[in-house]
Amino acid sequence: MLVTVPIAGELKFYPFGDDFRVSMGTPAFLFFLLFLQRVSPIVSGVLTGIAVVLFRLALGGFTEEAWSLHSPVFFYYLTYGGMFALLHVNRFYQRPLLLGFLAVIVEIAASIMEISARGSFPLSSLDDIAILAVIRSFFVLGFYNILIYREQRKRNEQMLVLISNLYEEMVHLKKTMQQAETITKDAYDLYRNLKPSEFAQTALRIAGQVHEMKKDKQRIYAGLSKMICNESIQDFMGAEELGKIVVRINQKYADLLHKKITFHLKIEGAHPQYHVYTALSLLNNLVANAVEAIQDTGVIHIFICRKEDDVEFRVVDDGPGIPDKKRDLIFQPGFTTKYDLSGKPSTGIGLTYVRDVTESAGGRIRLEDTGGTAFIICLPIHHLIKEGWEHALLSG
């Protein structure tokens, strides 16, 4: 701020004659006050005012005439920062129109103070000052809100990916809870059949331990469910927006792996809004697998197609493909062909999750050889839209 504002102040013009200059210093200062929310506006005004005066003196010479010409600008930035703090402008970041109105008032007050410090204030200049204040203030607010929107979108995408990953873990957790329930029942039946042998108590103890494990998983599942439900992020989203999020996520993933991959997204048919976490987790698993399969450079095609009452997710890559002998194994839990740089294998549950979720929703997944690899998921649309998903949630 102390460097940028003085330099921006040299981009200037004189709409009111030689006694008052209008520069880009004010828009730059307002932007920093909006951006640096934890810095006191009064302190910012004092330090920026000193910095601007010293910078202009350094350019024009430390003379009495130069001091008389440039010193009033200190009162401009002092008043600007003081009024910004007095009106508590930093409380209204979520109300851009009110924020803009207050910024106009602040600039008008600062301009009046600077002109007054120069000896006189012609009332005829007030209209011009007000018009200029409106233009500059709302220009800065527009630019600032664009940056905030982009940052908010980035945070929302990161949160969507995080929640979709948690949603995936919840599916695995629910499956292990069901398995624990089955083991508990089998162990208890074994206990009843073994009575009164010496192994009966062992079977009963195993049943109790597994039951305790299930209760712990239930508490974790409930906590994750509550956390996901409390997030104020859109639960249902259009196909094109979902596809673009998947592309952006995996473009960053490809860059992280130092791979040059081109993504092509194609939406076919009219689509309703789909449950974000289910659709995102399915698509992201397939596309991330494609990114990992490609060696250094390649192309990934992502299709989201409407097929009457079904939706088809198709991910096609031009990687090396999957050998025939491994095709029957790729959906098995724990099976993987991917290892990190240290030789540690991946979990091998991504495709298992995709298959389980797809089949539990009455859909199907298949693998096709296209020279590379193509995974196709076909799901009943009613399972992904709001009404069908809520019904499945309540019944499951």
Protein backbone atom coordinates (compact mmCIF):
# COMPACT_ATOMS: atom_id res chain seq x y z
CA MET A 1 0.00 0.00 0.00
CA LEU A 2 2.75 2.46 0.96
CA VAL A 3 4.51 1.80 -2.33
CA THR A 4 1.58 1.37 -4.72
CA VAL A 5 -0.56 4.35 -3.68
CA PRO A 6 2.16 7.02 -4.14
CA ILE A 7 3.06 5.58 -7.56
CA ALA A 8 -0.60 5.34 -8.61
CA GLY A 9 -0.99 8.95 -7.49
CA GLU A 10 1.27 10.05 -10.32
CA LEU A 11 -1.33 8.88 -12.83
CA LYS A 12 -3.22 12.14 -12.58
CA PHE A 13 -5.31 14.80 -14.26
CA TYR A 14 -6.62 18.22 -13.19
CA PRO A 15 -10.38 18.59 -13.77
CA PHE A 16 -10.67 21.54 -11.36
CA GLY A 17 -7.61 23.55 -12.40
CA ASP A 18 -4.08 23.48 -11.09
CA ASP A 19 -5.04 23.70 -7.39
CA PHE A 20 -6.52 20.19 -7.08
CA ARG A 21 -5.29 17.01 -8.67
CA VAL A 22 -7.26 13.83 -9.31
CA SER A 23 -5.23 10.65 -9.47
CA MET A 24 -5.43 6.89 -9.31
CA GLY A 25 -4.04 7.03 -5.79
CA THR A 26 -7.53 7.16 -4.29
CA PRO A 27 -8.84 4.01 -6.04
CA ALA A 28 -5.65 2.20 -5.05
CA PHE A 29 -6.02 3.35 -1.42
CA LEU A 30 -9.69 2.29 -1.27
CA PHE A 31 -8.80 -1.11 -2.68
CA PHE A 32 -6.15 -1.64 0.01
CA LEU A 33 -8.56 -0.53 2.75
CA LEU A 34 -11.04 -3.13 1.50
CA PHE A 35 -8.39 -5.80 1.06
CA LEU A 36 -6.39 -5.24 4.27
CA GLN A 37 -9.30 -5.62 6.64
CA ARG A 38 -7.17 -6.20 9.74
CA VAL A 39 -5.17 -2.98 9.35
CA SER A 40 -6.55 0.14 11.05
CA PRO A 41 -7.88 2.59 8.42
CA ILE A 42 -6.65 5.52 10.53
CA VAL A 43 -3.12 4.13 10.71
CA SER A 44 -3.30 3.41 6.97
CA GLY A 45 -4.42 6.98 6.30
CA VAL A 46 -1.60 8.51 8.36
CA LEU A 47 1.15 6.33 6.91
CA THR A 48 -0.12 6.59 3.32
CA GLY A 49 -0.47 10.36 3.60
CA ILE A 50 3.14 10.65 4.81
CA ALA A 51 4.34 8.25 2.08
CA VAL A 52 2.57 10.19 -0.70
CA VAL A 53 3.88 13.57 0.50
CA LEU A 54 7.47 12.30 0.80
CA PHE A 55 7.27 10.60 -2.61
CA ARG A 56 6.07 13.79 -4.31
CA LEU A 57 8.68 15.88 -2.53
CA ALA A 58 11.36 13.43 -3.63
CA LEU A 59 10.20 13.85 -7.25
CA GLY A 60 9.84 17.64 -7.15
CA GLY A 61 12.51 18.64 -4.68
CA PHE A 62 12.35 19.43 -0.94
CA THR A 63 11.55 23.12 -1.34
CA GLU A 64 9.13 25.38 0.50
CA GLU A 65 7.03 25.75 -2.64
CA ALA A 66 6.88 21.97 -3.11
CA TRP A 67 5.94 21.52 0.54
CA SER A 68 3.12 24.05 0.21
CA LEU A 69 1.87 22.28 -2.92
CA HIS A 70 2.01 18.69 -1.69
CA SER A 71 1.50 18.75 2.09
CA PRO A 72 -2.32 19.17 1.92
CA VAL A 73 -2.57 15.67 0.42
CA PHE A 74 -1.64 14.33 3.87
CA PHE A 75 -4.97 15.64 5.19
CA TYR A 76 -6.76 13.95 2.30
CA TYR A 77 -5.54 10.47 3.24
CA LEU A 78 -5.86 11.19 6.99
CA THR A 79 -9.49 12.22 6.51
CA TYR A 80 -10.15 9.31 4.17
CA GLY A 81 -8.86 6.76 6.68
CA GLY A 82 -10.56 8.50 9.61
CA MET A 83 -13.97 8.67 7.89
CA PHE A 84 -13.59 5.05 6.74
CA ALA A 85 -13.14 4.06 10.39
CA LEU A 86 -15.80 6.44 11.73
CA LEU A 87 -18.49 5.12 9.39
CA HIS A 88 -17.40 1.50 10.06
CA VAL A 89 -17.27 0.85 6.34
CA ASN A 90 -15.55 -2.48 6.98
CA ARG A 91 -18.81 -3.83 8.45
CA PHE A 92 -20.62 -3.71 5.13
CA TYR A 93 -18.58 -5.96 2.84
CA GLN A 94 -21.65 -8.12 2.20
CA ARG A 95 -23.75 -5.08 1.15
CA PRO A 96 -21.95 -3.62 -1.89
CA LEU A 97 -24.43 -0.81 -2.63
CA LEU A 98 -24.26 0.55 0.91
CA LEU A 99 -20.50 0.08 0.87
CA GLY A 100 -20.26 2.09 -2.34
CA PHE A 101 -22.45 4.87 -0.93
CA LEU A 102 -20.28 5.14 2.17
CA ALA A 103 -17.11 5.15 0.06
CA VAL A 104 -18.51 8.10 -1.92
CA ILE A 105 -19.18 10.02 1.31
CA VAL A 106 -15.66 9.25 2.54
CA GLU A 107 -14.04 10.49 -0.67
CA ILE A 108 -16.14 13.67 -0.76
CA ALA A 109 -15.16 14.46 2.85
CA ALA A 110 -11.49 13.80 2.10
CA SER A 111 -11.56 15.99 -1.01
CA ILE A 112 -13.22 18.83 0.89
CA MET A 113 -10.55 18.56 3.60
CA GLU A 114 -7.69 18.67 1.08
CA ILE A 115 -9.10 21.65 -0.82
CA SER A 116 -9.78 23.45 2.46
CA ALA A 117 -6.20 22.80 3.55
CA ARG A 118 -5.10 24.61 0.40
CA GLY A 119 -6.87 27.75 1.58
CA SER A 120 -10.39 27.79 0.15
CA PHE A 121 -13.22 25.55 -0.98
CA PRO A 122 -15.33 26.65 -3.94
CA LEU A 123 -18.85 25.26 -3.54
CA SER A 124 -19.14 25.06 -7.31
CA SER A 125 -16.67 22.18 -7.25
CA LEU A 126 -18.84 20.01 -5.02
CA ASP A 127 -20.87 18.52 -7.87
CA ASP A 128 -17.74 17.57 -9.80
CA ILE A 129 -16.19 16.04 -6.68
CA ALA A 130 -19.33 14.01 -6.01
CA ILE A 131 -19.52 12.69 -9.59
CA LEU A 132 -15.84 11.79 -9.52
CA ALA A 133 -16.26 10.07 -6.13
CA VAL A 134 -19.13 7.93 -7.46
CA ILE A 135 -17.16 6.86 -10.54
CA ARG A 136 -13.97 6.01 -8.68
CA SER A 137 -15.62 4.31 -5.70
CA PHE A 138 -17.90 2.03 -7.68
CA PHE A 139 -15.11 1.23 -10.15
CA VAL A 140 -12.97 -0.04 -7.27
CA LEU A 141 -15.90 -1.92 -5.73
CA GLY A 142 -16.63 -3.64 -9.03
CA PHE A 143 -13.02 -4.76 -9.38
CA TYR A 144 -12.85 -5.80 -5.72
CA ASN A 145 -16.07 -7.84 -5.93
CA ILE A 146 -14.80 -9.66 -9.03
CA LEU A 147 -11.74 -10.75 -7.06
CA ILE A 148 -13.88 -11.74 -4.06
CA TYR A 149 -16.24 -13.72 -6.30
CA ARG A 150 -13.36 -15.63 -7.87
CA GLU A 151 -11.84 -16.36 -4.47
CA GLN A 152 -15.21 -17.44 -3.08
CA ARG A 153 -15.77 -19.73 -6.07
CA LYS A 154 -12.34 -21.26 -5.51
CA ARG A 155 -13.10 -21.87 -1.82
CA ASN A 156 -16.50 -23.35 -2.66
CA GLU A 157 -14.93 -25.74 -5.16
CA GLN A 158 -12.35 -26.82 -2.61
CA MET A 159 -15.12 -27.39 -0.07
CA LEU A 160 -17.19 -29.33 -2.59
CA VAL A 161 -14.25 -31.63 -3.31
CA LEU A 162 -13.60 -32.08 0.41
CA ILE A 163 -17.23 -32.90 1.14
CA SER A 164 -17.51 -35.24 -1.85
CA ASN A 165 -14.43 -37.08 -0.53
CA LEU A 166 -16.03 -37.28 2.92
CA TYR A 167 -19.23 -38.48 1.30
CA GLU A 168 -17.23 -41.24 -0.38
CA GLU A 169 -15.72 -42.22 2.98
CA MET A 170 -19.21 -42.26 4.49
CA VAL A 171 -20.31 -44.80 1.87
CA HIS A 172 -17.36 -47.04 2.82
CA LEU A 173 -18.11 -46.49 6.50
CA LYS A 174 -21.75 -47.45 6.06
CA LYS A 175 -20.69 -50.62 4.27
CA THR A 176 -18.34 -51.62 7.10
CA MET A 177 -21.11 -50.91 9.62
CA GLN A 178 -23.35 -53.34 7.78
CA GLN A 179 -20.54 -55.88 7.72
CA ALA A 180 -19.99 -55.38 11.45
CA GLU A 181 -23.67 -56.01 12.07
CA THR A 182 -23.46 -59.26 10.10
CA ILE A 183 -20.33 -60.39 11.97
CA THR A 184 -21.97 -59.56 15.32
CA LYS A 185 -25.00 -61.65 14.44
CA ASP A 186 -22.88 -64.56 13.20
CA ALA A 187 -20.67 -64.46 16.30
CA TYR A 188 -23.70 -64.42 18.59
CA ASP A 189 -25.27 -67.34 16.71
CA LEU A 190 -21.97 -69.17 17.08
CA TYR A 191 -22.03 -68.45 20.82
CA ARG A 192 -25.50 -69.96 21.14
CA ASN A 193 -24.49 -73.05 19.17
CA LEU A 194 -21.31 -73.56 21.18
CA LYS A 195 -22.89 -73.38 24.61
CA PRO A 196 -21.83 -74.81 26.99
CA SER A 197 -18.39 -75.46 25.44
CA GLU A 198 -15.27 -73.51 26.43
CA PHE A 199 -15.34 -71.57 23.14
CA ALA A 200 -18.79 -70.09 23.71
CA GLN A 201 -17.53 -67.20 25.85
CA THR A 202 -14.88 -66.40 23.25
CA ALA A 203 -17.54 -66.16 20.55
CA LEU A 204 -19.68 -63.97 22.82
CA ARG A 205 -16.71 -61.69 23.54
CA ILE A 206 -16.01 -61.34 19.81
CA ALA A 207 -19.65 -60.44 19.20
CA GLY A 208 -19.46 -57.77 21.90
CA GLN A 209 -16.20 -56.30 20.58
CA VAL A 210 -17.49 -56.08 17.02
CA HIS A 211 -20.69 -54.48 18.31
CA GLU A 212 -18.64 -51.83 20.13
CA MET A 213 -16.68 -51.19 16.93
CA LYS A 214 -19.95 -50.71 15.08
CA LYS A 215 -21.16 -48.18 17.66
CA ASP A 216 -17.92 -46.21 17.28
CA LYS A 217 -18.38 -46.16 13.51
CA GLN A 218 -21.99 -45.03 13.97
CA ARG A 219 -20.82 -42.04 16.03
CA ILE A 220 -18.27 -41.13 13.34
CA TYR A 221 -20.92 -41.56 10.63
CA ALA A 222 -23.36 -39.33 12.52
CA GLY A 223 -20.68 -36.66 12.97
CA LEU A 224 -19.77 -36.68 9.29
CA SER A 225 -23.43 -36.53 8.28
CA LYS A 226 -24.06 -33.56 10.55
CA MET A 227 -20.99 -31.73 9.26
CA ILE A 228 -21.98 -32.23 5.63
CA CYS A 229 -25.57 -31.15 6.25
CA ASN A 230 -24.44 -28.01 8.10
CA GLU A 231 -22.33 -26.78 5.18
CA SER A 232 -24.07 -23.90 3.40
CA ILE A 233 -23.00 -25.11 -0.04
CA GLN A 234 -25.39 -25.92 -2.82
CA ASP A 235 -26.41 -29.59 -2.59
CA PHE A 236 -27.70 -29.83 -6.17
CA MET A 237 -26.05 -28.43 -9.27
CA GLY A 238 -26.40 -28.40 -13.04
CA ALA A 239 -24.49 -30.87 -15.21
CA GLU A 240 -22.37 -28.23 -16.97
CA GLU A 241 -21.27 -26.59 -13.74
CA LEU A 242 -20.44 -29.99 -12.24
CA GLY A 243 -18.42 -30.91 -15.31
CA LYS A 244 -16.47 -27.65 -15.23
CA ILE A 245 -15.60 -28.18 -11.57
CA VAL A 246 -14.29 -31.68 -12.35
CA VAL A 247 -12.19 -30.27 -15.19
CA ARG A 248 -10.70 -27.49 -13.04
CA ILE A 249 -9.93 -29.89 -10.19
CA ASN A 250 -8.20 -32.41 -12.39
CA GLN A 251 -6.36 -29.80 -14.44
CA LYS A 252 -4.70 -28.76 -11.20
CA TYR A 253 -4.08 -32.42 -10.36
CA ALA A 254 -2.43 -32.98 -13.75
CA ASP A 255 -0.26 -29.89 -13.24
CA LEU A 256 0.73 -31.21 -9.82
CA LEU A 257 1.87 -34.47 -11.46
CA HIS A 258 3.73 -32.46 -14.15
CA LYS A 259 1.55 -33.87 -16.91
CA LYS A 260 0.27 -31.99 -19.93
CA ILE A 261 -3.32 -33.12 -20.29
CA THR A 262 -6.06 -31.55 -22.38
CA PHE A 263 -9.62 -31.90 -21.06
CA HIS A 264 -12.73 -31.83 -23.25
CA LEU A 265 -16.16 -31.55 -21.64
CA LYS A 266 -19.35 -32.24 -23.57
CA ILE A 267 -22.91 -32.05 -22.23
CA GLU A 268 -25.65 -33.75 -24.24
CA GLY A 269 -29.37 -33.43 -23.60
CA ALA A 270 -31.42 -31.48 -21.06
CA HIS A 271 -30.37 -32.21 -17.50
CA PRO A 272 -31.95 -31.50 -14.11
CA GLN A 273 -29.81 -30.52 -11.18
CA TYR A 274 -27.92 -33.48 -9.72
CA HIS A 275 -26.86 -34.27 -6.17
CA VAL A 276 -23.43 -32.64 -6.02
CA TYR A 277 -21.55 -35.02 -3.74
CA THR A 278 -22.70 -38.23 -5.44
CA ALA A 279 -22.13 -37.01 -9.01
CA LEU A 280 -18.90 -35.19 -8.17
CA SER A 281 -17.38 -38.13 -6.31
CA LEU A 282 -18.21 -40.57 -9.12
CA LEU A 283 -16.94 -38.34 -11.92
CA ASN A 284 -13.89 -37.17 -10.01
CA ASN A 285 -12.83 -40.76 -9.26
CA LEU A 286 -12.97 -41.73 -12.92
CA VAL A 287 -11.24 -38.58 -14.20
CA ALA A 288 -8.52 -38.73 -11.53
CA ASN A 289 -7.86 -42.36 -12.52
CA ALA A 290 -7.55 -41.23 -16.14
CA VAL A 291 -5.09 -38.49 -15.15
CA GLU A 292 -2.98 -41.03 -13.28
CA ALA A 293 -3.11 -43.53 -16.17
CA ILE A 294 -1.73 -41.09 -18.74
CA GLN A 295 2.06 -41.11 -18.80
CA ASP A 296 3.14 -37.55 -19.66
CA THR A 297 0.80 -36.02 -22.20
CA GLY A 298 -2.68 -36.95 -23.29
CA VAL A 299 -6.33 -36.09 -23.75
CA ILE A 300 -9.32 -36.83 -21.52
CA HIS A 301 -12.89 -36.57 -22.80
CA ILE A 302 -15.72 -36.17 -20.28
CA PHE A 303 -19.27 -36.72 -21.47
CA ILE A 304 -22.45 -36.15 -19.43
CA CYS A 305 -25.34 -37.42 -21.54
CA ARG A 306 -29.08 -37.63 -20.98
CA LYS A 307 -30.49 -41.01 -21.99
CA GLU A 308 -34.24 -40.66 -21.42
CA ASP A 309 -34.63 -41.55 -17.72
CA ASP A 310 -30.92 -42.22 -17.23
CA VAL A 311 -27.80 -40.09 -17.10
CA GLU A 312 -24.55 -41.41 -18.52
CA PHE A 313 -21.12 -40.33 -17.28
CA ARG A 314 -18.44 -41.30 -19.77
CA VAL A 315 -14.71 -40.69 -19.19
CA VAL A 316 -12.39 -41.56 -22.07
CA ASP A 317 -8.60 -41.22 -22.02
CA ASP A 318 -5.87 -42.01 -24.53
CA GLY A 319 -3.60 -43.68 -21.98
CA PRO A 320 -2.05 -47.14 -22.26
CA GLY A 321 -5.31 -48.92 -21.44
CA ILE A 322 -5.94 -51.83 -19.08
CA PRO A 323 -4.58 -55.30 -19.94
CA ASP A 324 -7.19 -57.99 -20.48
CA LYS A 325 -5.91 -60.09 -17.59
CA LYS A 326 -6.52 -57.23 -15.15
CA ARG A 327 -9.99 -56.22 -16.30
CA ASP A 328 -11.71 -58.69 -14.02
CA LEU A 329 -9.72 -57.40 -11.03
CA ILE A 330 -9.97 -53.62 -11.28
CA PHE A 331 -13.21 -53.40 -9.28
CA GLN A 332 -11.93 -55.66 -6.49
CA PRO A 333 -11.25 -53.90 -3.15
CA GLY A 334 -7.56 -53.25 -2.65
CA PHE A 335 -6.51 -54.00 -6.21
CA THR A 336 -4.25 -51.28 -7.60
CA THR A 337 -1.60 -50.75 -10.24
CA LYS A 338 -0.64 -47.30 -8.91
CA TYR A 339 2.28 -46.57 -6.62
CA ASP A 340 3.73 -43.31 -5.35
CA LEU A 341 7.38 -42.27 -5.69
CA SER A 342 8.29 -44.17 -2.50
CA GLY A 343 6.73 -47.38 -3.83
CA LYS A 344 3.68 -47.22 -1.56
CA PRO A 345 0.53 -48.54 -3.28
CA SER A 346 -2.72 -46.60 -3.40
CA THR A 347 -5.72 -47.86 -1.42
CA GLY A 348 -7.37 -49.43 -4.46
CA ILE A 349 -10.89 -48.53 -3.31
CA GLY A 350 -11.76 -45.77 -5.81
CA LEU A 351 -13.28 -47.99 -8.49
CA THR A 352 -14.79 -50.25 -5.84
CA TYR A 353 -16.60 -47.22 -4.46
CA VAL A 354 -17.75 -46.18 -7.94
CA ARG A 355 -19.10 -49.68 -8.64
CA ASP A 356 -20.84 -50.00 -5.25
CA VAL A 357 -22.55 -46.59 -5.45
CA THR A 358 -23.56 -47.15 -9.06
CA GLU A 359 -25.04 -50.60 -8.44
CA SER A 360 -26.76 -49.56 -5.19
CA ALA A 361 -28.53 -46.85 -7.19
CA GLY A 362 -29.74 -49.36 -9.75
CA GLY A 363 -27.14 -48.34 -12.31
CA ARG A 364 -24.32 -50.10 -14.09
CA ILE A 365 -20.71 -49.43 -14.92
CA ARG A 366 -18.72 -50.88 -17.77
CA LEU A 367 -15.26 -50.66 -19.22
CA GLU A 368 -14.56 -50.27 -22.93
CA ASP A 369 -11.34 -50.46 -24.91
CA THR A 370 -10.97 -47.39 -27.11
CA GLY A 371 -7.26 -47.58 -27.71
CA GLY A 372 -7.04 -46.05 -24.29
CA THR A 373 -9.67 -46.58 -21.61
CA ALA A 374 -13.34 -45.62 -21.37
CA PHE A 375 -15.39 -45.97 -18.19
CA ILE A 376 -19.14 -45.54 -18.61
CA ILE A 377 -21.55 -45.12 -15.71
CA CYS A 378 -25.28 -45.23 -16.39
CA LEU A 379 -27.53 -44.14 -13.51
CA PRO A 380 -31.28 -43.65 -13.15
CA ILE A 381 -31.80 -39.90 -13.01
CA HIS A 382 -34.36 -40.12 -10.20
CA HIS A 383 -31.61 -41.31 -7.85
CA LEU A 384 -29.56 -38.14 -8.41
CA ILE A 385 -32.28 -35.49 -8.37
CA LYS A 386 -33.53 -33.94 -5.15
CA GLU A 387 -36.75 -35.91 -4.71
CA GLY A 388 -35.24 -39.32 -5.43
CA TRP A 389 -32.07 -38.71 -3.42
CA GLU A 390 -34.01 -37.54 -0.35
CA HIS A 391 -36.27 -40.61 -0.60
CA ALA A 392 -33.22 -42.90 -0.78
CA LEU A 393 -31.66 -41.08 2.18
CA LEU A 394 -34.77 -41.49 4.33
CA SER A 395 -35.27 -45.14 3.41
CA GLY A 396 -31.56 -46.03 3.75
